[in-house]
């Protein structure tokens, strides 16, 4: 008969050996998103209605660019881990591998494109000044 010791239960070493780490990672990123989401919404709301040059100048400033970058990066890392857990639960075999690969590639592509766009806007602001 197999018993789970209190140490093993506390460490959370289940079938994947990452249950506790996944839970804490998702909890920390969820709390970060709880703070970043309203800030990001305020940043975007302030940019609505600006002409193209105004949007570039606005996101070329440090505060809007940093809030936007943090929101995208933390959100996508949260998405990667969350989809990985769902894919592990509901898909098997090749579909599991393909799902994980697609979700990771999609997330890192979104991060790369967003950071690139913010960097371009920041550099464009330097050229305009």
N, C-alpha and C. Protein backbone atom coordinates (compact mmCIF):
# COMPACT_ATOMS: atom_id res chain seq x y z
N UNK A 1 0.85 -1.17 0.00
CA UNK A 1 0.00 0.00 0.00
C UNK A 1 0.90 1.24 0.00
N UNK A 2 0.52 2.23 -0.81
CA UNK A 2 1.34 3.41 -0.95
C UNK A 2 0.72 4.56 -0.17
N UNK A 3 1.53 5.25 0.59
CA UNK A 3 1.07 6.38 1.39
C UNK A 3 1.78 7.65 0.93
N UNK A 4 1.06 8.75 0.99
CA UNK A 4 1.65 10.05 0.70
C UNK A 4 2.05 10.65 2.04
N UNK A 5 3.34 10.91 2.18
CA UNK A 5 3.82 11.47 3.43
C UNK A 5 3.43 12.95 3.51
N UNK A 6 3.38 13.49 4.72
CA UNK A 6 3.06 14.92 4.84
C UNK A 6 4.05 15.81 4.08
N UNK A 7 5.32 15.42 4.04
CA UNK A 7 6.31 16.21 3.31
C UNK A 7 5.98 16.23 1.83
N UNK A 8 5.67 15.05 1.27
CA UNK A 8 5.35 15.00 -0.15
C UNK A 8 4.06 15.76 -0.46
N UNK A 9 3.09 15.70 0.43
CA UNK A 9 1.85 16.45 0.23
C UNK A 9 2.12 17.95 0.28
N UNK A 10 2.98 18.37 1.18
CA UNK A 10 3.30 19.80 1.30
C UNK A 10 4.10 20.29 0.11
N UNK A 11 4.99 19.44 -0.41
CA UNK A 11 5.78 19.83 -1.57
C UNK A 11 4.94 19.85 -2.83
N UNK A 12 3.84 19.13 -2.81
CA UNK A 12 2.94 19.12 -3.96
C UNK A 12 3.48 18.34 -5.13
N UNK A 13 4.28 17.33 -4.87
CA UNK A 13 4.85 16.57 -5.97
C UNK A 13 3.85 15.52 -6.45
N UNK A 14 2.92 15.96 -7.26
CA UNK A 14 1.93 15.06 -7.83
C UNK A 14 2.50 14.38 -9.06
N UNK A 15 1.63 14.05 -9.99
CA UNK A 15 2.05 13.32 -11.18
C UNK A 15 3.04 14.12 -12.04
N UNK A 16 2.84 15.41 -12.14
CA UNK A 16 3.72 16.22 -12.99
C UNK A 16 4.92 16.77 -12.23
N UNK A 17 4.91 16.66 -10.91
CA UNK A 17 5.98 17.17 -10.04
C UNK A 17 6.12 18.68 -10.09
N UNK A 18 5.10 19.39 -10.59
CA UNK A 18 5.16 20.85 -10.65
C UNK A 18 3.89 21.50 -10.14
N UNK A 19 3.03 20.76 -9.49
CA UNK A 19 1.73 21.29 -9.08
C UNK A 19 1.83 22.52 -8.20
N UNK A 20 2.65 22.46 -7.16
CA UNK A 20 2.77 23.60 -6.25
C UNK A 20 3.41 24.79 -6.95
N UNK A 21 4.44 24.53 -7.74
CA UNK A 21 5.10 25.63 -8.46
C UNK A 21 4.14 26.29 -9.44
N UNK A 22 3.36 25.47 -10.16
CA UNK A 22 2.38 26.04 -11.08
C UNK A 22 1.34 26.88 -10.34
N UNK A 23 0.87 26.35 -9.23
CA UNK A 23 -0.14 27.08 -8.45
C UNK A 23 0.41 28.43 -7.98
N UNK A 24 1.61 28.44 -7.41
CA UNK A 24 2.17 29.69 -6.91
C UNK A 24 2.50 30.65 -8.04
N UNK A 25 3.00 30.14 -9.16
CA UNK A 25 3.29 31.01 -10.30
C UNK A 25 2.02 31.67 -10.79
N UNK A 26 0.95 30.87 -10.95
CA UNK A 26 -0.31 31.43 -11.42
C UNK A 26 -0.91 32.40 -10.40
N UNK A 27 -0.74 32.12 -9.11
CA UNK A 27 -1.25 33.02 -8.08
C UNK A 27 -0.51 34.36 -8.11
N UNK A 28 0.80 34.31 -8.20
CA UNK A 28 1.60 35.55 -8.22
C UNK A 28 1.30 36.35 -9.49
N UNK A 29 1.25 35.70 -10.64
CA UNK A 29 0.97 36.45 -11.86
C UNK A 29 -0.47 36.97 -11.88
N UNK A 30 -1.40 36.25 -11.27
CA UNK A 30 -2.78 36.74 -11.18
C UNK A 30 -2.86 37.99 -10.32
N UNK A 31 -2.13 38.02 -9.21
CA UNK A 31 -2.11 39.21 -8.37
C UNK A 31 -1.44 40.38 -9.10
N UNK A 32 -0.37 40.07 -9.83
CA UNK A 32 0.29 41.13 -10.61
C UNK A 32 -0.66 41.67 -11.67
N UNK A 33 -1.41 40.78 -12.32
CA UNK A 33 -2.38 41.23 -13.32
C UNK A 33 -3.54 41.99 -12.69
N UNK A 34 -3.85 41.68 -11.45
CA UNK A 34 -4.89 42.42 -10.73
C UNK A 34 -4.51 43.89 -10.59
N UNK A 35 -3.24 44.15 -10.41
CA UNK A 35 -2.75 45.53 -10.30
C UNK A 35 -2.52 46.13 -11.69
N UNK A 36 -1.94 45.33 -12.61
CA UNK A 36 -1.57 45.86 -13.91
C UNK A 36 -2.76 46.11 -14.84
N UNK A 37 -3.83 45.34 -14.71
CA UNK A 37 -4.96 45.48 -15.63
C UNK A 37 -5.62 46.85 -15.54
N UNK A 38 -5.95 47.35 -14.33
CA UNK A 38 -6.52 48.71 -14.30
C UNK A 38 -5.54 49.77 -14.79
N UNK A 39 -4.27 49.62 -14.46
CA UNK A 39 -3.27 50.58 -14.95
C UNK A 39 -3.19 50.56 -16.47
N UNK A 40 -3.19 49.35 -17.04
CA UNK A 40 -3.14 49.22 -18.49
C UNK A 40 -4.39 49.83 -19.14
N UNK A 41 -5.54 49.61 -18.53
CA UNK A 41 -6.78 50.17 -19.07
C UNK A 41 -6.75 51.70 -19.04
N UNK A 42 -6.19 52.27 -17.99
CA UNK A 42 -6.06 53.73 -17.89
C UNK A 42 -5.11 54.24 -18.97
N UNK A 43 -3.99 53.53 -19.15
CA UNK A 43 -3.01 53.93 -20.16
C UNK A 43 -3.64 53.90 -21.54
N UNK A 44 -4.35 52.84 -21.86
CA UNK A 44 -4.99 52.74 -23.18
C UNK A 44 -6.10 53.78 -23.33
N UNK A 45 -6.86 54.00 -22.27
CA UNK A 45 -7.94 55.00 -22.33
C UNK A 45 -7.39 56.39 -22.62
N UNK A 46 -6.24 56.69 -22.08
CA UNK A 46 -5.64 58.01 -22.34
C UNK A 46 -5.14 58.14 -23.77
N UNK A 47 -4.87 57.01 -24.43
CA UNK A 47 -4.36 57.05 -25.80
C UNK A 47 -5.47 57.04 -26.84
N UNK A 48 -6.68 56.70 -26.42
CA UNK A 48 -7.80 56.63 -27.37
C UNK A 48 -8.11 58.04 -27.90
N UNK A 49 -8.24 58.12 -29.21
CA UNK A 49 -8.59 59.38 -29.83
C UNK A 49 -7.40 60.23 -30.25
N UNK A 50 -6.20 59.83 -29.85
CA UNK A 50 -5.02 60.58 -30.27
C UNK A 50 -4.68 60.26 -31.71
N UNK A 51 -4.11 61.23 -32.44
CA UNK A 51 -3.65 60.90 -33.79
C UNK A 51 -2.43 59.97 -33.72
N UNK A 52 -2.04 59.45 -34.87
CA UNK A 52 -0.94 58.48 -34.92
C UNK A 52 0.31 59.01 -34.24
N UNK A 53 0.69 60.23 -34.53
CA UNK A 53 1.89 60.82 -33.93
C UNK A 53 1.73 60.96 -32.43
N UNK A 54 0.52 61.28 -32.00
CA UNK A 54 0.25 61.40 -30.57
C UNK A 54 0.37 60.07 -29.84
N UNK A 55 -0.11 59.00 -30.48
CA UNK A 55 0.00 57.67 -29.88
C UNK A 55 1.46 57.26 -29.78
N UNK A 56 2.22 57.52 -30.84
CA UNK A 56 3.65 57.18 -30.83
C UNK A 56 4.36 57.96 -29.74
N UNK A 57 4.06 59.25 -29.61
CA UNK A 57 4.68 60.06 -28.57
C UNK A 57 4.24 59.61 -27.19
N UNK A 58 2.97 59.25 -27.05
CA UNK A 58 2.45 58.82 -25.74
C UNK A 58 3.11 57.52 -25.28
N UNK A 59 3.17 56.52 -26.17
CA UNK A 59 3.79 55.25 -25.78
C UNK A 59 5.32 55.31 -25.83
N UNK A 60 5.86 56.40 -26.31
CA UNK A 60 7.29 56.62 -26.24
C UNK A 60 7.74 57.10 -24.86
N UNK A 61 6.78 57.53 -24.05
CA UNK A 61 7.08 57.93 -22.67
C UNK A 61 7.27 56.69 -21.82
N UNK A 62 8.08 56.78 -20.76
CA UNK A 62 8.40 55.58 -19.98
C UNK A 62 7.20 54.93 -19.28
N UNK A 63 6.36 55.70 -18.60
CA UNK A 63 5.30 55.08 -17.81
C UNK A 63 4.32 54.26 -18.66
N UNK A 64 3.74 54.82 -19.72
CA UNK A 64 2.83 53.99 -20.53
C UNK A 64 3.51 52.79 -21.17
N UNK A 65 4.77 52.97 -21.60
CA UNK A 65 5.49 51.86 -22.24
C UNK A 65 5.78 50.75 -21.24
N UNK A 66 6.20 51.10 -20.04
CA UNK A 66 6.53 50.09 -19.03
C UNK A 66 5.27 49.35 -18.57
N UNK A 67 4.18 50.08 -18.34
CA UNK A 67 2.93 49.44 -17.93
C UNK A 67 2.45 48.49 -19.02
N UNK A 68 2.50 48.93 -20.27
CA UNK A 68 2.06 48.09 -21.37
C UNK A 68 2.94 46.85 -21.50
N UNK A 69 4.25 47.04 -21.43
CA UNK A 69 5.17 45.89 -21.55
C UNK A 69 4.97 44.91 -20.40
N UNK A 70 4.85 45.40 -19.18
CA UNK A 70 4.64 44.51 -18.04
C UNK A 70 3.32 43.75 -18.17
N UNK A 71 2.26 44.45 -18.60
CA UNK A 71 0.96 43.80 -18.75
C UNK A 71 1.03 42.68 -19.79
N UNK A 72 1.66 42.95 -20.92
CA UNK A 72 1.75 41.94 -21.98
C UNK A 72 2.62 40.77 -21.54
N UNK A 73 3.77 41.05 -20.96
CA UNK A 73 4.69 39.98 -20.57
C UNK A 73 4.10 39.11 -19.46
N UNK A 74 3.62 39.74 -18.41
CA UNK A 74 3.04 38.96 -17.30
C UNK A 74 1.80 38.21 -17.76
N UNK A 75 0.97 38.86 -18.56
CA UNK A 75 -0.24 38.21 -19.07
C UNK A 75 0.07 37.01 -19.93
N UNK A 76 1.05 37.12 -20.79
CA UNK A 76 1.40 36.00 -21.66
C UNK A 76 2.10 34.87 -20.90
N UNK A 77 2.91 35.20 -19.91
CA UNK A 77 3.51 34.14 -19.10
C UNK A 77 2.43 33.41 -18.30
N UNK A 78 1.45 34.14 -17.81
CA UNK A 78 0.30 33.53 -17.12
C UNK A 78 -0.47 32.64 -18.10
N UNK A 79 -0.64 33.12 -19.32
CA UNK A 79 -1.34 32.36 -20.35
C UNK A 79 -0.59 31.07 -20.69
N UNK A 80 0.73 31.15 -20.83
CA UNK A 80 1.53 29.96 -21.15
C UNK A 80 1.32 28.89 -20.09
N UNK A 81 1.46 29.27 -18.83
CA UNK A 81 1.35 28.28 -17.76
C UNK A 81 -0.07 27.74 -17.64
N UNK A 82 -1.06 28.61 -17.77
CA UNK A 82 -2.45 28.18 -17.67
C UNK A 82 -2.86 27.25 -18.79
N UNK A 83 -2.47 27.59 -20.03
CA UNK A 83 -2.82 26.72 -21.14
C UNK A 83 -2.07 25.40 -21.04
N UNK A 84 -0.85 25.43 -20.53
CA UNK A 84 -0.08 24.19 -20.36
C UNK A 84 -0.83 23.24 -19.42
N UNK A 85 -1.36 23.77 -18.33
CA UNK A 85 -2.10 22.94 -17.38
C UNK A 85 -3.37 22.39 -18.03
N UNK A 86 -4.10 23.24 -18.76
CA UNK A 86 -5.32 22.77 -19.42
C UNK A 86 -5.02 21.74 -20.49
N UNK A 87 -3.98 21.97 -21.27
CA UNK A 87 -3.60 21.03 -22.33
C UNK A 87 -3.19 19.70 -21.71
N UNK A 88 -2.41 19.73 -20.65
CA UNK A 88 -2.02 18.49 -19.97
C UNK A 88 -3.22 17.72 -19.47
N UNK A 89 -4.26 18.44 -19.01
CA UNK A 89 -5.45 17.78 -18.47
C UNK A 89 -6.34 17.18 -19.55
N UNK A 90 -6.44 17.82 -20.70
CA UNK A 90 -7.46 17.42 -21.67
C UNK A 90 -6.95 16.82 -22.97
N UNK A 91 -5.69 16.94 -23.28
CA UNK A 91 -5.16 16.37 -24.52
C UNK A 91 -4.13 15.30 -24.20
N UNK A 92 -3.95 14.39 -25.16
CA UNK A 92 -2.98 13.30 -24.96
C UNK A 92 -2.18 13.09 -26.23
N UNK A 93 -0.99 12.54 -26.06
CA UNK A 93 -0.15 12.17 -27.20
C UNK A 93 0.34 13.35 -28.01
N UNK A 94 0.25 13.18 -29.33
CA UNK A 94 0.73 14.21 -30.25
C UNK A 94 -0.05 15.50 -30.16
N UNK A 95 -1.34 15.40 -29.88
CA UNK A 95 -2.15 16.61 -29.74
C UNK A 95 -1.67 17.44 -28.56
N UNK A 96 -1.26 16.79 -27.48
CA UNK A 96 -0.74 17.50 -26.31
C UNK A 96 0.52 18.26 -26.67
N UNK A 97 1.44 17.57 -27.34
CA UNK A 97 2.70 18.22 -27.73
C UNK A 97 2.44 19.39 -28.67
N UNK A 98 1.58 19.17 -29.67
CA UNK A 98 1.27 20.23 -30.63
C UNK A 98 0.60 21.41 -29.94
N UNK A 99 -0.32 21.14 -29.04
CA UNK A 99 -1.01 22.22 -28.32
C UNK A 99 -0.06 23.05 -27.49
N UNK A 100 0.84 22.38 -26.78
CA UNK A 100 1.82 23.10 -25.96
C UNK A 100 2.74 23.94 -26.83
N UNK A 101 3.22 23.35 -27.92
CA UNK A 101 4.13 24.08 -28.81
C UNK A 101 3.43 25.30 -29.40
N UNK A 102 2.19 25.12 -29.86
CA UNK A 102 1.45 26.24 -30.46
C UNK A 102 1.20 27.35 -29.44
N UNK A 103 0.81 26.98 -28.22
CA UNK A 103 0.52 28.02 -27.21
C UNK A 103 1.78 28.77 -26.81
N UNK A 104 2.90 28.07 -26.70
CA UNK A 104 4.15 28.73 -26.32
C UNK A 104 4.64 29.64 -27.45
N UNK A 105 4.60 29.15 -28.68
CA UNK A 105 5.03 29.97 -29.82
C UNK A 105 4.14 31.20 -29.95
N UNK A 106 2.83 31.02 -29.83
CA UNK A 106 1.91 32.15 -29.90
C UNK A 106 2.22 33.19 -28.83
N UNK A 107 2.40 32.74 -27.60
CA UNK A 107 2.63 33.67 -26.49
C UNK A 107 3.93 34.44 -26.65
N UNK A 108 5.00 33.75 -26.99
CA UNK A 108 6.29 34.44 -27.15
C UNK A 108 6.27 35.35 -28.37
N UNK A 109 5.49 35.01 -29.39
CA UNK A 109 5.35 35.90 -30.54
C UNK A 109 4.63 37.18 -30.14
N UNK A 110 3.58 37.07 -29.35
CA UNK A 110 2.86 38.25 -28.87
C UNK A 110 3.79 39.13 -28.04
N UNK A 111 4.57 38.51 -27.14
CA UNK A 111 5.51 39.27 -26.32
C UNK A 111 6.53 39.99 -27.20
N UNK A 112 7.11 39.26 -28.16
CA UNK A 112 8.14 39.85 -29.03
C UNK A 112 7.59 41.00 -29.85
N UNK A 113 6.40 40.82 -30.42
CA UNK A 113 5.81 41.87 -31.25
C UNK A 113 5.48 43.10 -30.41
N UNK A 114 4.93 42.90 -29.22
CA UNK A 114 4.57 44.03 -28.37
C UNK A 114 5.80 44.81 -27.91
N UNK A 115 6.82 44.09 -27.47
CA UNK A 115 8.04 44.77 -27.01
C UNK A 115 8.73 45.47 -28.18
N UNK A 116 8.74 44.84 -29.35
CA UNK A 116 9.31 45.47 -30.54
C UNK A 116 8.56 46.76 -30.89
N UNK A 117 7.24 46.69 -30.86
CA UNK A 117 6.43 47.88 -31.18
C UNK A 117 6.69 49.00 -30.18
N UNK A 118 6.75 48.65 -28.90
CA UNK A 118 7.03 49.68 -27.88
C UNK A 118 8.43 50.28 -28.06
N UNK A 119 9.40 49.44 -28.40
CA UNK A 119 10.76 49.93 -28.63
C UNK A 119 10.80 50.86 -29.85
N UNK A 120 10.09 50.47 -30.90
CA UNK A 120 10.04 51.33 -32.10
C UNK A 120 9.40 52.67 -31.78
N UNK A 121 8.34 52.67 -30.98
CA UNK A 121 7.69 53.93 -30.62
C UNK A 121 8.62 54.78 -29.75
N UNK A 122 9.36 54.14 -28.87
CA UNK A 122 10.31 54.87 -28.04
C UNK A 122 11.42 55.48 -28.87
N UNK A 123 11.93 54.71 -29.84
CA UNK A 123 12.98 55.23 -30.71
C UNK A 123 12.44 56.31 -31.65
N UNK A 124 11.21 56.17 -32.09
CA UNK A 124 10.62 57.20 -32.95
C UNK A 124 10.45 58.50 -32.19
N UNK A 125 10.16 58.39 -30.89
CA UNK A 125 10.04 59.59 -30.06
C UNK A 125 11.39 60.31 -29.96
N UNK A 126 12.47 59.54 -29.87
CA UNK A 126 13.79 60.15 -29.81
C UNK A 126 14.13 60.88 -31.10
N UNK A 127 13.73 60.30 -32.24
CA UNK A 127 14.00 60.92 -33.53
C UNK A 127 13.18 62.19 -33.70
N UNK A 128 11.93 62.18 -33.20
CA UNK A 128 11.06 63.35 -33.34
C UNK A 128 11.52 64.52 -32.49
N UNK A 129 12.21 64.24 -31.39
CA UNK A 129 12.61 65.31 -30.48
C UNK A 129 13.81 66.02 -30.96
